[in-house]
Protein backbone atom coordinates (compact mmCIF):
# COMPACT_ATOMS: atom_id res chain seq x y z
CA MET A 1 73.07 9.52 138.02
CA SER A 2 71.59 12.92 137.20
CA ALA A 3 67.90 13.70 137.65
CA PHE A 4 67.52 13.77 133.86
CA GLY A 5 69.20 10.38 133.53
CA LYS A 6 66.89 8.88 136.14
CA LEU A 7 63.89 10.31 134.27
CA VAL A 8 65.06 8.72 131.02
CA VAL A 9 65.49 5.32 132.73
CA ILE A 10 62.00 5.54 134.25
CA MET A 11 60.47 6.47 130.89
CA VAL A 12 62.23 3.57 129.13
CA MET A 13 61.09 1.11 131.80
CA ALA A 14 57.51 2.39 131.52
CA MET A 15 57.56 1.99 127.73
CA VAL A 16 58.89 -1.58 128.04
CA ALA A 17 56.19 -2.42 130.58
CA ILE A 18 53.47 -1.06 128.30
CA SER A 19 54.89 -2.99 125.33
CA LEU A 20 54.99 -6.24 127.30
CA ASP A 21 51.45 -5.70 128.51
CA LYS A 22 50.22 -5.27 124.94
CA ALA A 23 52.22 -8.29 123.79
CA TYR A 24 50.38 -10.55 126.20
CA ALA A 25 46.94 -8.91 126.02
CA GLY A 26 45.74 -10.69 122.87
CA ASP A 27 46.26 -10.61 119.12
CA PRO A 28 48.56 -7.89 117.71
CA ASP A 29 46.96 -4.53 116.94
CA MET A 30 45.79 -3.98 113.36
CA LEU A 31 47.64 -1.43 111.23
CA GLN A 32 44.96 -0.89 108.56
CA ASP A 33 41.18 -0.86 108.22
CA VAL A 34 40.83 -4.45 107.05
CA CYS A 35 43.13 -7.34 106.23
CA VAL A 36 40.92 -10.13 104.94
CA ALA A 37 42.77 -13.42 105.30
CA ASP A 38 44.14 -15.03 102.17
CA LEU A 39 43.53 -18.62 103.26
CA ASN A 40 44.99 -19.96 100.01
CA SER A 41 48.36 -18.25 100.32
CA SER A 42 51.41 -20.53 100.46
CA PHE A 43 53.27 -18.07 102.68
CA SER A 44 53.24 -18.61 106.45
CA VAL A 45 53.10 -15.63 108.81
CA ASN A 46 51.78 -14.91 112.31
CA GLY A 47 48.18 -14.73 111.16
CA TYR A 48 47.37 -14.55 107.45
CA LEU A 49 48.40 -12.38 104.53
CA CYS A 50 45.82 -9.88 103.28
CA LYS A 51 43.76 -10.57 100.18
CA LYS A 52 43.96 -7.87 97.54
CA ASN A 53 40.25 -8.09 96.71
CA PHE A 54 37.49 -8.75 99.21
CA SER A 55 33.74 -8.37 99.63
CA GLU A 56 31.03 -8.35 102.29
CA ILE A 57 30.95 -12.16 102.15
CA ASP A 58 34.36 -12.26 103.83
CA PHE A 59 32.82 -10.64 106.92
CA SER A 60 29.72 -12.83 107.20
CA SER A 61 28.86 -16.46 107.93
CA MET A 62 25.94 -18.69 108.94
CA VAL A 63 28.29 -21.33 110.35
CA ILE A 64 26.88 -21.16 113.91
CA ALA A 65 23.23 -20.64 112.94
CA LYS A 66 22.18 -24.26 113.45
CA PRO A 67 22.79 -26.79 116.24
CA GLY A 68 25.78 -29.08 115.78
CA ALA A 69 25.64 -32.88 115.85
CA THR A 70 26.40 -34.16 119.36
CA ASN A 71 26.35 -37.91 118.67
CA ASN A 72 30.03 -38.39 119.54
CA THR A 73 32.21 -39.63 122.41
CA PHE A 74 31.73 -36.55 124.60
CA GLY A 75 28.19 -35.63 123.59
CA SER A 76 29.11 -32.10 122.55
CA LEU A 77 30.24 -30.19 119.48
CA VAL A 78 32.10 -26.90 119.16
CA THR A 79 31.47 -25.01 115.92
CA GLY A 80 33.93 -22.17 115.42
CA ALA A 81 33.27 -18.84 113.74
CA ASN A 82 36.93 -17.84 113.61
CA VAL A 83 39.21 -16.50 110.90
CA MET A 84 39.12 -19.86 109.12
CA LYS A 85 35.37 -19.45 108.59
CA VAL A 86 35.16 -15.64 108.52
CA PRO A 87 38.32 -14.38 106.74
CA GLY A 88 37.48 -10.77 107.52
CA LEU A 89 38.36 -11.43 111.18
CA ASN A 90 42.06 -11.46 110.30
CA THR A 91 43.86 -8.90 112.53
CA LEU A 92 40.61 -7.94 114.32
CA GLY A 93 41.36 -9.99 117.45
CA VAL A 94 37.87 -11.49 117.94
CA SER A 95 35.99 -14.69 117.13
CA MET A 96 32.99 -16.70 118.27
CA ALA A 97 31.84 -20.29 118.56
CA ARG A 98 28.67 -22.21 119.19
CA ILE A 99 28.76 -25.18 121.55
CA ASP A 100 25.95 -27.74 121.62
CA TYR A 101 25.58 -30.37 124.34
CA ALA A 102 23.45 -33.49 124.38
CA PRO A 103 21.91 -34.48 127.75
CA GLY A 104 24.89 -35.60 129.82
CA GLY A 105 27.31 -34.16 127.28
CA ILE A 106 30.58 -32.51 128.25
CA ASN A 107 33.07 -30.14 126.71
CA PRO A 108 35.96 -31.83 128.54
CA PRO A 109 38.79 -30.01 130.35
CA HIS A 110 40.77 -27.92 127.87
CA THR A 111 42.58 -24.61 127.45
CA HIS A 112 42.68 -21.78 124.94
CA PRO A 113 46.33 -20.66 124.79
CA ARG A 114 45.60 -17.44 122.91
CA ALA A 115 42.33 -16.13 124.34
CA THR A 116 39.96 -15.52 127.22
CA GLU A 117 36.52 -17.03 126.63
CA MET A 118 33.06 -15.86 127.66
CA VAL A 119 29.98 -18.04 127.14
CA PHE A 120 26.35 -16.94 126.87
CA VAL A 121 23.69 -19.60 127.49
CA LEU A 122 21.17 -19.71 124.65
CA GLU A 123 19.14 -22.64 125.91
CA GLY A 124 19.28 -24.91 128.95
CA GLU A 125 21.60 -25.03 131.95
CA LEU A 126 25.26 -25.99 132.44
CA ASP A 127 27.76 -26.78 135.16
CA VAL A 128 30.97 -24.91 134.32
CA GLY A 129 34.29 -24.18 135.93
CA PHE A 130 37.98 -23.37 135.60
CA ILE A 131 41.03 -24.23 137.69
CA THR A 132 43.57 -21.60 138.66
CA THR A 133 47.34 -22.17 138.66
CA SER A 134 47.02 -22.53 142.45
CA ASN A 135 44.68 -25.53 141.88
CA VAL A 136 41.58 -23.66 143.02
CA LEU A 137 38.36 -24.72 141.29
CA VAL A 138 36.03 -21.85 140.39
CA SER A 139 32.69 -23.36 139.35
CA LYS A 140 29.05 -22.42 138.92
CA HIS A 141 25.71 -23.69 137.64
CA ILE A 142 24.66 -21.28 134.88
CA VAL A 143 21.25 -20.88 133.27
CA LYS A 144 19.64 -19.45 130.13
CA GLY A 145 20.63 -15.83 129.61
CA GLU A 146 23.65 -16.03 131.92
CA VAL A 147 27.29 -15.40 130.97
CA PHE A 148 30.45 -16.91 132.44
CA ALA A 149 34.10 -16.07 131.72
CA PHE A 150 37.09 -18.42 131.50
CA PRO A 151 40.48 -16.66 131.88
CA ARG A 152 43.01 -17.13 129.10
CA GLY A 153 45.13 -20.26 129.31
CA LEU A 154 43.39 -21.82 132.34
CA VAL A 155 41.97 -25.34 132.21
CA HIS A 156 38.17 -25.22 132.08
CA PHE A 157 35.12 -27.31 131.24
CA GLN A 158 31.35 -27.26 130.69
CA GLN A 159 28.91 -30.13 131.31
CA ASN A 160 25.21 -30.62 130.69
CA ASN A 161 23.96 -32.59 133.67
CA GLY A 162 20.33 -32.14 132.66
CA ASP A 163 18.02 -34.21 130.48
CA VAL A 164 17.53 -31.67 127.66
CA PRO A 165 19.96 -30.30 125.04
CA VAL A 166 21.93 -27.12 125.82
CA ALA A 167 23.47 -24.49 123.55
CA VAL A 168 25.84 -21.60 124.25
CA ILE A 169 27.59 -18.91 122.23
CA SER A 170 31.26 -18.32 123.07
CA ALA A 171 33.23 -15.12 122.45
CA PHE A 172 37.03 -14.91 122.29
CA ASN A 173 39.54 -12.05 122.16
CA SER A 174 41.48 -13.77 119.38
CA GLN A 175 40.80 -14.47 115.72
CA LEU A 176 42.02 -18.03 116.31
CA PRO A 177 42.09 -18.87 120.05
CA GLY A 178 43.30 -22.45 119.69
CA THR A 179 42.04 -25.35 121.80
CA GLN A 180 44.08 -27.96 123.62
CA SER A 181 42.03 -30.75 125.16
CA ILE A 182 43.81 -32.21 128.17
CA ALA A 183 42.70 -35.82 127.67
CA THR A 184 43.25 -36.06 123.92
CA THR A 185 46.53 -34.16 124.15
CA LEU A 186 47.96 -36.66 126.62
CA PHE A 187 46.35 -39.88 125.41
CA ALA A 188 45.79 -39.42 121.67
CA SER A 189 48.76 -37.42 120.40
CA THR A 190 50.84 -38.41 117.35
CA PRO A 191 53.31 -39.86 118.10
CA THR A 192 51.89 -41.02 121.41
CA VAL A 193 53.16 -39.88 124.78
CA PRO A 194 55.22 -42.80 126.20
CA ASP A 195 53.33 -45.03 128.62
CA HIS A 196 56.01 -44.65 131.30
CA VAL A 197 55.44 -40.89 131.34
CA LEU A 198 51.70 -41.32 131.83
CA THR A 199 51.92 -44.14 134.36
CA LYS A 200 54.30 -42.12 136.51
CA THR A 201 52.21 -38.95 136.13
CA PHE A 202 48.84 -40.51 136.99
CA GLN A 203 50.16 -43.23 139.32
CA VAL A 204 48.36 -46.04 137.49
CA GLY A 205 49.42 -49.13 135.56
CA THR A 206 50.18 -49.55 131.87
CA LYS A 207 46.93 -51.45 131.26
CA GLN A 208 44.85 -48.50 132.45
CA ILE A 209 46.84 -46.13 130.24
CA GLU A 210 46.41 -48.34 127.17
CA LYS A 211 42.67 -48.64 127.86
CA ILE A 212 42.27 -44.86 127.96
CA LYS A 213 44.36 -44.45 124.79
CA SER A 214 42.19 -46.95 122.93
CA ARG A 215 39.00 -45.13 123.91
CA LEU A 216 40.31 -41.71 122.87
CA ALA A 217 42.03 -42.84 119.67
CA PRO A 218 40.72 -41.12 116.50
CA LYS A 219 38.00 -43.11 114.76
CA LYS A 220 39.22 -44.79 111.57
């Protein structure tokens, strides 16, 4: 192959590498100033279609201004400020959330398939951590004013082991990061994951599996 041919191959490979890196870095790049989400559109695309008319209201929200109710199974509540609540975030690749924890409350092990998360502690203290794909636990006790990052796609958790309420603000590099809770995904899906899959996976009996399913089943 000639020197010029080799140069062309190298350039093509470099361009492919850059394209792949961008494809996995986060949401797609925007191609215009704003694209306020048309949440009422019947068309389905990767993201949302743009509204023709928009205003400053589409870029503002008070949704995370107040503490959320934590009187539930896990003693925590995540309140999202994503594109569903702030339509102006469409194509901008960012969102936020507020998480409130009752004493002893936990945001149980979960993942965000489309975003890295960083939390900032507003009030109180938390025990947090994530697990790498090599099964290494990275954990820390964080306090008011501290930040902690959870890499995209890795299983992570936060727990309030104190006796006072805790609140954090989360930031994501996606307009809609998605959340997949490990426990509810496995034990409260519709239709349910077969018992024989779960008994073999967790090396326990059917009775234990059914007990967990009943506790995590959606309230009617």
